[in-house]
Amino acid sequence: SPTVFGSDRKAPDLLHVGSRLPIKGWHLVHHANPRAVQPMSQMPAFNYLSKRDLNALADYMMSLK
């Protein structure tokens, strides 16, 4: 049967990701090169972000508790 429009998820739920993954270094590596921590990841690398922006993104992800 077809999925209901808008119900087919393409990404994981980020709610509480800071509680589930409380290590900032993991977020830094995962966003710079997702396949370094999850070899089969389909997530694109955010290698275009500056170190400052990557740190801000990791801090934001850690704040989602």
Protein backbone atom coordinates (compact mmCIF):
# COMPACT_ATOMS: atom_id res chain seq x y z
CA SER A 1 0.00 0.00 0.00
CA PRO A 2 1.29 3.51 -0.70
CA THR A 3 2.55 5.64 2.17
CA VAL A 4 0.58 8.65 3.32
CA PHE A 5 1.98 11.90 1.89
CA GLY A 6 4.50 13.35 4.32
CA SER A 7 4.88 10.18 6.39
CA ASP A 8 7.83 8.64 4.52
CA ARG A 9 10.85 9.56 6.63
CA LYS A 10 14.20 10.16 4.95
CA ALA A 11 16.23 11.01 8.04
CA PRO A 12 16.36 10.04 11.71
CA ASP A 13 14.41 11.91 14.35
CA LEU A 14 16.77 14.45 15.95
CA LEU A 15 14.59 15.00 19.00
CA HIS A 16 16.75 14.25 22.05
CA VAL A 17 19.84 13.51 19.95
CA GLY A 18 21.95 15.37 22.53
CA SER A 19 20.82 12.91 25.20
CA ARG A 20 21.36 9.86 22.99
CA LEU A 21 24.77 10.98 21.69
CA PRO A 22 26.34 13.29 24.32
CA ILE A 23 29.88 13.28 22.84
CA LYS A 24 30.69 16.47 20.92
CA GLY A 25 33.60 14.83 19.09
CA TRP A 26 31.22 12.27 17.61
CA HIS A 27 29.00 15.04 16.22
CA LEU A 28 32.01 16.87 14.78
CA VAL A 29 33.25 13.77 12.95
CA HIS A 30 29.77 12.65 11.91
CA HIS A 31 28.87 15.96 10.28
CA ALA A 32 32.25 16.41 8.59
CA ASN A 33 32.36 12.81 7.30
CA PRO A 34 29.32 10.67 8.19
CA ARG A 35 30.78 7.47 6.78
CA ALA A 36 33.70 7.69 9.22
CA VAL A 37 31.32 6.72 12.05
CA GLN A 38 28.55 4.97 10.10
CA PRO A 39 29.99 3.24 7.01
CA MET A 40 26.61 2.79 5.28
CA SER A 41 25.40 6.34 5.95
CA GLN A 42 23.54 8.08 3.14
CA MET A 43 23.95 11.47 4.81
CA PRO A 44 26.03 13.93 2.79
CA ALA A 45 29.18 15.34 4.38
CA PHE A 46 29.06 18.91 5.62
CA ASN A 47 32.73 19.34 4.70
CA TYR A 48 32.04 22.81 3.34
CA LEU A 49 31.36 24.18 6.84
CA SER A 50 34.06 26.15 8.57
CA LYS A 51 35.39 24.84 11.89
CA ARG A 52 33.41 27.56 13.64
CA ASP A 53 30.16 26.57 11.90
CA LEU A 54 30.83 22.87 12.48
CA ASN A 55 31.35 23.56 16.20
CA ALA A 56 28.14 25.59 16.31
CA LEU A 57 26.25 22.74 14.63
CA ALA A 58 27.68 20.21 17.09
CA ASP A 59 26.74 22.48 20.01
CA TYR A 60 23.21 22.79 18.65
CA MET A 61 22.85 19.03 18.22
CA MET A 62 24.08 18.51 21.79
CA SER A 63 21.47 21.00 23.04
CA LEU A 64 18.60 18.84 21.69
CA LYS A 65 17.80 16.97 24.89
